[in-house]
Amino acid sequence: MNGISSNKSAHGRSAHQRVSRFAVAPMIDWTDTHCRFFHRQLSAHALLYTEMVVADAIIHGPRERLVSFNAAEHPVALQLGGSDPEKLSRAVRIASDYGYDEFNLNVGCPSDRVQSGTFGACLMRTPDLVGECLAAMREAAGETPVTVKCRIGVDDQDPETALDALADAAVEAGIGTIWVHARKAWLQGLSPKENRDIPPLDYARVARLKARLPEIFVGLNGGLKTLDEAEAAMRKSGFDGVMLGRAAYQTPDCLTKVDSRFYGAERPDSFDYAALIETMMAYASGHMEAGGRLNHVTRHMVGLFSGQPGARRWRQILSEGASRRDATPDLIREAFEAVDLSGNREAA
């Protein structure tokens, strides 16, 4: 099982339910279990999301590989893709045994694969079906929260009516948390990558949704590059939470400040990067003993130390060395020794 232990304790679920003021977005090919373990070492409280997993894959595929995770990842949410209420219900029932803290329905992904399956962002066009899917997931999830992540609309939809219709269907289904990527998705004419940047951001539209639904948790996603930007958006528009995607992945050091800035945790004088390196070496060792490769782990770490002296050498050592067949976890320490943190008060 690649050194990853599943957590099938119902106690684990209830113990980690909390207000998710900050989350790292679900990102296909990025937020796998190794990424989440690494991010958890940087923040104890941030809500971490899996990559989107299609309901059919959980029902018929290698479910242990798809949905098992390391217990250290809590709080962690499973994002599901699908448009069949019965299949989504079955997938939630299966995944419930693994102890997730939240189940989330993807109503925002614009990829061709998702469109061919008539789910993801396509579901913005069918809010009634979204409501049925969410209601089925809620019934299967028991006490575990079910949430939805959506866009403000797709193609030629009017975001004023499209987002309200989706949100109202979710609320009617008993959903209390809506994460909104504050852009349209253009399913015709733009690639998934272009859909992350080209459609203009419209935070004001999401703010109007929050004002209309004051009792519902509305979280903002899209275009947030720093914690300062995220906090400013929350203060200005009253969002209940913020979600960073690429910024959290590409500059993961920012996660070391999440607990103090978003959860009121006492901020230590410094972050112990040396202890982080030892933890990641031990984790990588376990993964490799189970048959995995070093670069499965280190590919998520290359953005660490961005802007620090030696960061380029850190990236170079990990990127070039970790894919070698003879690579060992000691490579992580070797790369760390190239980084100069003497002038960084965040370093231990």
Protein backbone atom coordinates (compact mmCIF):
# COMPACT_ATOMS: atom_id res chain seq x y z
CA MET A 1 0.00 0.00 0.00
CA ASN A 2 2.98 2.30 -0.69
CA GLY A 3 3.60 2.84 3.00
CA ILE A 4 0.27 4.62 3.46
CA SER A 5 -2.02 3.56 6.25
CA SER A 6 -5.76 3.93 5.91
CA ASN A 7 -7.68 5.43 8.81
CA LYS A 8 -10.99 3.65 9.30
CA SER A 9 -11.90 5.06 12.67
CA ALA A 10 -15.21 6.85 13.04
CA HIS A 11 -13.65 8.57 16.03
CA GLY A 12 -11.12 10.15 13.67
CA ARG A 13 -13.93 11.83 11.75
CA SER A 14 -15.67 13.45 14.68
CA ALA A 15 -12.43 14.50 16.32
CA HIS A 16 -11.42 16.61 13.33
CA GLN A 17 -14.62 18.38 12.37
CA ARG A 18 -14.02 22.12 12.57
CA VAL A 19 -14.60 25.39 10.79
CA SER A 20 -12.48 25.31 7.64
CA ARG A 21 -11.31 28.91 7.46
CA PHE A 22 -8.44 27.89 5.19
CA ALA A 23 -8.18 25.03 2.70
CA VAL A 24 -5.73 23.79 0.08
CA ALA A 25 -7.70 23.21 -3.10
CA PRO A 26 -8.13 19.80 -4.72
CA MET A 27 -5.77 19.63 -7.70
CA ILE A 28 -5.55 16.70 -10.09
CA ASP A 29 -2.05 15.19 -10.28
CA TRP A 30 -0.92 17.38 -7.39
CA THR A 31 -2.76 16.87 -4.10
CA ASP A 32 -2.11 13.16 -3.69
CA THR A 33 -1.49 11.54 -0.32
CA HIS A 34 2.24 12.39 -0.36
CA CYS A 35 1.49 16.05 -1.03
CA ARG A 36 -1.07 16.12 1.76
CA PHE A 37 1.30 14.50 4.26
CA PHE A 38 3.90 17.15 3.41
CA HIS A 39 1.42 20.01 3.69
CA ARG A 40 0.21 18.71 7.03
CA GLN A 41 3.71 19.12 8.44
CA LEU A 42 3.44 22.82 7.60
CA SER A 43 -0.05 23.44 9.00
CA ALA A 44 -1.93 21.50 11.66
CA HIS A 45 -5.31 23.03 10.87
CA ALA A 46 -5.65 23.72 7.13
CA LEU A 47 -8.28 21.54 5.48
CA LEU A 48 -6.59 19.38 2.85
CA TYR A 49 -8.40 17.98 -0.18
CA THR A 50 -7.76 14.88 -2.23
CA GLU A 51 -7.56 15.00 -5.96
CA MET A 52 -10.99 14.53 -7.51
CA VAL A 53 -11.87 10.82 -7.53
CA VAL A 54 -14.64 9.64 -9.83
CA ALA A 55 -17.41 7.72 -8.07
CA ASP A 56 -17.26 4.90 -10.61
CA ALA A 57 -13.57 4.39 -9.87
CA ILE A 58 -14.25 3.94 -6.16
CA ILE A 59 -17.07 1.50 -6.84
CA HIS A 60 -15.33 -0.60 -9.48
CA GLY A 61 -11.64 0.27 -9.27
CA PRO A 62 -8.73 -0.15 -6.83
CA ARG A 63 -10.49 1.59 -3.98
CA GLU A 64 -7.73 1.02 -1.42
CA ARG A 65 -5.25 2.85 -3.61
CA LEU A 66 -7.75 5.57 -4.50
CA VAL A 67 -9.15 6.48 -1.10
CA SER A 68 -6.79 5.26 1.62
CA PHE A 69 -4.67 7.91 3.29
CA ASN A 70 -2.26 8.47 6.13
CA ALA A 71 -3.99 9.23 9.42
CA ALA A 72 -1.60 12.17 9.90
CA GLU A 73 -3.37 14.00 7.05
CA HIS A 74 -6.45 14.93 9.12
CA PRO A 75 -8.47 17.06 8.57
CA VAL A 76 -8.84 15.77 5.01
CA ALA A 77 -11.74 15.92 2.55
CA LEU A 78 -12.49 13.55 -0.31
CA GLN A 79 -13.61 15.30 -3.48
CA LEU A 80 -15.87 13.19 -5.68
CA GLY A 81 -16.73 13.50 -9.34
CA GLY A 82 -19.99 12.17 -10.70
CA SER A 83 -23.54 12.99 -11.69
CA ASP A 84 -25.42 9.84 -10.70
CA PRO A 85 -26.92 10.17 -7.20
CA GLU A 86 -26.97 6.41 -6.63
CA LYS A 87 -23.31 5.98 -7.61
CA LEU A 88 -22.22 8.95 -5.53
CA SER A 89 -24.12 7.50 -2.58
CA ARG A 90 -22.35 4.16 -3.01
CA ALA A 91 -18.97 5.85 -3.29
CA VAL A 92 -19.57 7.83 -0.09
CA ARG A 93 -20.63 4.68 1.79
CA ILE A 94 -17.46 2.92 0.69
CA ALA A 95 -15.20 5.86 1.49
CA SER A 96 -16.87 6.47 4.86
CA ASP A 97 -15.00 3.48 6.26
CA TYR A 98 -11.74 5.36 5.74
CA GLY A 99 -12.54 8.19 8.13
CA TYR A 100 -12.71 11.29 5.93
CA ASP A 101 -13.63 14.58 7.60
CA GLU A 102 -15.68 15.82 4.66
CA PHE A 103 -17.08 14.73 1.30
CA ASN A 104 -17.15 17.31 -1.48
CA LEU A 105 -18.90 17.25 -4.86
CA ASN A 106 -16.96 18.68 -7.78
CA VAL A 107 -19.10 21.11 -9.81
CA GLY A 108 -16.19 23.10 -11.17
CA CYS A 109 -13.68 21.01 -13.14
CA PRO A 110 -13.74 21.93 -16.86
CA SER A 111 -11.58 19.13 -18.32
CA ASP A 112 -12.62 17.27 -21.46
CA ARG A 113 -12.67 13.99 -19.51
CA VAL A 114 -15.12 15.43 -17.01
CA GLN A 115 -17.28 16.93 -19.74
CA SER A 116 -17.54 13.58 -21.52
CA GLY A 117 -18.84 12.12 -18.27
CA THR A 118 -21.32 14.98 -17.88
CA PHE A 119 -20.11 16.06 -14.46
CA GLY A 120 -17.77 18.66 -13.00
CA ALA A 121 -18.50 22.17 -14.28
CA CYS A 122 -21.14 20.79 -16.66
CA LEU A 123 -23.38 20.36 -13.62
CA MET A 124 -23.72 24.13 -13.30
CA ARG A 125 -26.36 23.73 -16.02
CA THR A 126 -28.40 21.22 -14.00
CA PRO A 127 -28.77 22.55 -10.45
CA ASP A 128 -31.71 20.23 -9.69
CA LEU A 129 -29.51 17.22 -10.45
CA VAL A 130 -26.78 18.68 -8.24
CA GLY A 131 -29.31 18.89 -5.43
CA GLU A 132 -30.25 15.23 -5.92
CA CYS A 133 -26.58 14.21 -5.90
CA LEU A 134 -25.85 16.16 -2.74
CA ALA A 135 -28.93 14.84 -0.96
CA ALA A 136 -27.89 11.28 -1.79
CA MET A 137 -24.35 11.93 -0.56
CA ARG A 138 -25.66 13.45 2.68
CA GLU A 139 -27.83 10.45 3.41
CA ALA A 140 -24.88 8.12 2.86
CA ALA A 141 -22.39 10.25 4.81
CA GLY A 142 -24.09 10.10 8.19
CA GLU A 143 -22.57 12.76 10.45
CA THR A 144 -19.69 13.56 8.09
CA PRO A 145 -20.23 16.96 6.39
CA VAL A 146 -20.99 17.08 2.68
CA THR A 147 -19.99 20.21 0.74
CA VAL A 148 -19.91 21.44 -2.84
CA LYS A 149 -17.28 23.31 -4.88
CA CYS A 150 -18.54 25.13 -7.96
CA ARG A 151 -17.88 27.91 -10.47
CA ILE A 152 -19.99 31.05 -10.86
CA GLY A 153 -21.31 29.71 -14.16
CA VAL A 154 -20.30 28.12 -17.45
CA ASP A 155 -20.16 29.42 -21.01
CA ASP A 156 -22.98 31.89 -21.71
CA GLN A 157 -24.75 31.45 -18.37
CA ASP A 158 -25.57 34.59 -16.41
CA PRO A 159 -23.57 34.23 -13.17
CA GLU A 160 -26.28 36.05 -11.23
CA THR A 161 -28.86 33.36 -11.91
CA ALA A 162 -26.54 30.36 -12.41
CA LEU A 163 -24.74 30.64 -9.07
CA ASP A 164 -27.94 31.37 -7.14
CA ALA A 165 -29.66 28.37 -8.71
CA LEU A 166 -26.77 26.06 -7.83
CA ALA A 167 -26.50 27.42 -4.29
CA ASP A 168 -30.24 27.21 -3.67
CA ALA A 169 -30.30 23.59 -4.83
CA ALA A 170 -27.42 22.80 -2.47
CA VAL A 171 -29.10 24.51 0.48
CA GLU A 172 -32.36 22.70 -0.26
CA ALA A 173 -30.39 19.44 -0.12
CA GLY A 174 -29.18 20.35 3.37
CA ILE A 175 -25.69 21.54 2.42
CA GLY A 176 -24.16 24.13 4.74
CA THR A 177 -20.86 24.79 2.95
CA ILE A 178 -20.32 26.10 -0.58
CA TRP A 179 -16.84 26.74 -1.97
CA VAL A 180 -16.89 28.96 -5.05
CA HIS A 181 -14.16 29.34 -7.65
CA ALA A 182 -14.89 32.92 -8.63
CA ARG A 183 -14.62 32.47 -12.38
CA LYS A 184 -16.80 31.12 -15.12
CA ALA A 185 -15.66 27.92 -16.83
CA TRP A 186 -15.67 28.09 -20.61
CA LEU A 187 -16.26 24.51 -21.68
CA GLN A 188 -15.93 25.38 -25.36
CA GLY A 189 -12.79 27.14 -26.54
CA LEU A 190 -10.58 27.08 -23.45
CA SER A 191 -8.33 24.34 -22.11
CA PRO A 192 -8.48 23.35 -18.41
CA LYS A 193 -5.24 25.31 -17.87
CA GLU A 194 -6.67 28.40 -19.61
CA ASN A 195 -9.83 28.07 -17.51
CA ARG A 196 -7.71 28.68 -14.41
CA ASP A 197 -6.52 32.08 -15.66
CA ILE A 198 -8.41 33.57 -18.61
CA PRO A 199 -12.01 33.91 -17.38
CA PRO A 200 -12.02 37.06 -15.24
CA LEU A 201 -12.28 36.77 -11.49
CA ASP A 202 -15.50 38.07 -9.95
CA TYR A 203 -15.11 38.14 -6.18
CA ALA A 204 -18.00 40.58 -5.97
CA ARG A 205 -20.37 37.96 -7.35
CA VAL A 206 -19.35 35.51 -4.64
CA ALA A 207 -19.69 38.27 -2.05
CA ARG A 208 -23.29 38.84 -3.18
CA LEU A 209 -23.97 35.14 -2.69
CA LYS A 210 -22.58 35.34 0.85
CA ALA A 211 -24.73 38.39 1.60
CA ARG A 212 -27.82 36.57 0.33
CA LEU A 213 -27.05 33.41 2.34
CA PRO A 214 -25.65 34.71 5.64
CA GLU A 215 -26.26 31.42 7.47
CA ILE A 216 -24.37 29.35 4.88
CA PHE A 217 -20.59 28.92 4.88
CA VAL A 218 -19.33 30.50 1.65
CA GLY A 219 -15.64 30.02 0.90
CA LEU A 220 -13.68 31.84 -1.82
CA ASN A 221 -11.34 30.15 -4.30
CA GLY A 222 -9.57 31.44 -7.39
CA GLY A 223 -6.66 33.79 -8.01
CA LEU A 224 -5.56 34.16 -4.39
CA LYS A 225 -1.77 34.28 -4.43
CA THR A 226 -0.85 35.18 -0.84
CA LEU A 227 -2.21 34.90 2.67
CA ASP A 228 -2.47 38.69 2.73
CA GLU A 229 -4.79 38.62 -0.28
CA ALA A 230 -6.83 35.84 1.29
CA GLU A 231 -7.25 37.64 4.61
CA ALA A 232 -8.11 40.90 2.84
CA ALA A 233 -10.84 39.16 0.83
CA MET A 234 -12.33 37.69 4.00
CA ARG A 235 -12.33 41.03 5.78
CA LYS A 236 -13.78 42.94 2.84
CA SER A 237 -16.59 40.61 1.86
CA GLY A 238 -17.25 38.48 4.92
CA PHE A 239 -16.31 35.16 3.35
CA ASP A 240 -16.23 32.34 5.87
CA GLY A 241 -13.15 30.72 4.41
CA VAL A 242 -10.54 30.93 1.69
CA MET A 243 -8.99 28.24 -0.49
CA LEU A 244 -5.57 28.47 -2.12
CA GLY A 245 -4.53 26.14 -4.92
CA ARG A 246 -1.41 26.72 -6.98
CA ALA A 247 -0.05 29.32 -4.55
CA ALA A 248 -0.11 26.82 -1.69
CA TYR A 249 1.48 24.14 -3.85
CA GLN A 250 4.16 26.23 -5.53
CA THR A 251 5.13 28.24 -2.43
CA PRO A 252 4.29 25.85 0.41
CA ASP A 253 6.19 27.90 2.99
CA CYS A 254 3.09 30.08 3.24
CA LEU A 255 1.32 27.19 4.98
CA THR A 256 3.58 27.61 8.01
CA LYS A 257 1.68 30.82 8.83
CA VAL A 258 -1.85 29.50 8.31
CA ASP A 259 -2.48 28.23 11.84
CA SER A 260 -1.67 31.55 13.52
CA ARG A 261 -3.33 33.79 10.91
CA PHE A 262 -6.53 31.84 10.31
CA TYR A 263 -7.04 29.68 13.39
CA GLY A 264 -5.67 31.81 16.21
CA ALA A 265 -2.94 29.36 17.12
CA GLU A 266 0.07 30.72 18.98
CA ARG A 267 2.78 31.47 16.47
CA PRO A 268 6.19 30.07 17.38
CA ASP A 269 9.23 32.28 17.00
CA SER A 270 10.48 30.07 14.20
CA PHE A 271 9.49 27.13 12.05
CA ASP A 272 11.64 24.04 12.56
CA TYR A 273 12.67 23.22 9.01
CA ALA A 274 15.31 20.77 10.20
CA ALA A 275 12.63 18.70 11.93
CA LEU A 276 10.50 18.88 8.77
CA ILE A 277 13.37 17.46 6.72
CA GLU A 278 13.84 14.56 9.15
CA THR A 279 10.09 13.82 9.09
CA MET A 280 9.97 13.82 5.30
CA MET A 281 13.05 11.61 5.08
CA ALA A 282 11.42 9.06 7.39
CA TYR A 283 8.18 9.24 5.41
CA ALA A 284 10.01 8.80 2.10
CA SER A 285 11.90 5.86 3.54
CA GLY A 286 8.66 4.10 4.45
CA HIS A 287 7.25 4.80 1.01
CA MET A 288 10.32 3.38 -0.70
CA GLU A 289 10.39 0.29 1.53
CA ALA A 290 6.87 -0.40 0.28
CA GLY A 291 8.06 -0.24 -3.34
CA GLY A 292 7.60 3.45 -4.11
CA ARG A 293 10.02 5.95 -5.64
CA LEU A 294 11.65 8.89 -3.90
CA ASN A 295 10.39 11.38 -6.46
CA HIS A 296 6.77 10.42 -5.63
CA VAL A 297 7.37 12.35 -2.41
CA THR A 298 9.95 14.98 -3.30
CA ARG A 299 8.14 16.33 -6.38
CA HIS A 300 5.75 18.06 -3.98
CA MET A 301 8.59 19.65 -2.00
CA VAL A 302 10.54 21.50 -4.69
CA GLY A 303 8.70 24.79 -4.09
CA LEU A 304 9.87 24.96 -0.49
CA PHE A 305 12.30 27.78 0.39
CA SER A 306 11.18 29.93 -2.54
CA GLY A 307 13.06 33.24 -2.40
CA GLN A 308 15.67 31.96 0.06
CA PRO A 309 19.40 31.75 -0.77
CA GLY A 310 20.06 28.25 -2.06
CA ALA A 311 16.47 27.60 -3.16
CA ARG A 312 17.54 27.07 -6.75
CA ARG A 313 20.08 24.45 -5.69
CA TRP A 314 17.44 22.80 -3.47
CA ARG A 315 15.15 22.48 -6.49
CA GLN A 316 17.93 21.25 -8.72
CA ILE A 317 19.09 18.53 -6.36
CA LEU A 318 15.58 17.21 -5.78
CA SER A 319 14.43 17.49 -9.39
CA GLU A 320 17.47 15.86 -10.91
CA GLY A 321 18.43 13.42 -8.19
CA ALA A 322 15.17 12.00 -6.90
CA SER A 323 14.30 10.25 -10.16
CA ARG A 324 17.50 8.21 -10.17
CA ARG A 325 16.99 4.55 -9.40
CA ASP A 326 19.69 4.64 -6.72
CA ALA A 327 18.24 7.73 -5.00
CA THR A 328 17.72 7.48 -1.24
CA PRO A 329 15.95 9.73 1.29
CA ASP A 330 19.36 11.16 2.22
CA LEU A 331 19.00 13.27 -0.93
CA ILE A 332 16.46 15.41 0.93
CA ARG A 333 19.02 16.28 3.60
CA GLU A 334 21.65 16.92 0.93
CA ALA A 335 19.33 19.39 -0.77
CA PHE A 336 18.49 21.06 2.54
CA GLU A 337 22.15 21.63 3.29
CA ALA A 338 22.32 23.84 0.19
CA VAL A 339 19.74 26.26 1.62
CA ASP A 340 20.84 29.25 3.69
CA LEU A 341 18.20 30.15 6.25
CA SER A 342 20.49 32.18 8.49
CA GLY A 343 18.70 35.42 7.69
CA ASN A 344 15.20 33.96 7.91
CA ARG A 345 13.50 34.36 11.29
CA GLU A 346 10.99 31.70 10.21
CA ALA A 347 13.72 29.09 10.28
CA ALA A 348 14.78 27.27 13.38
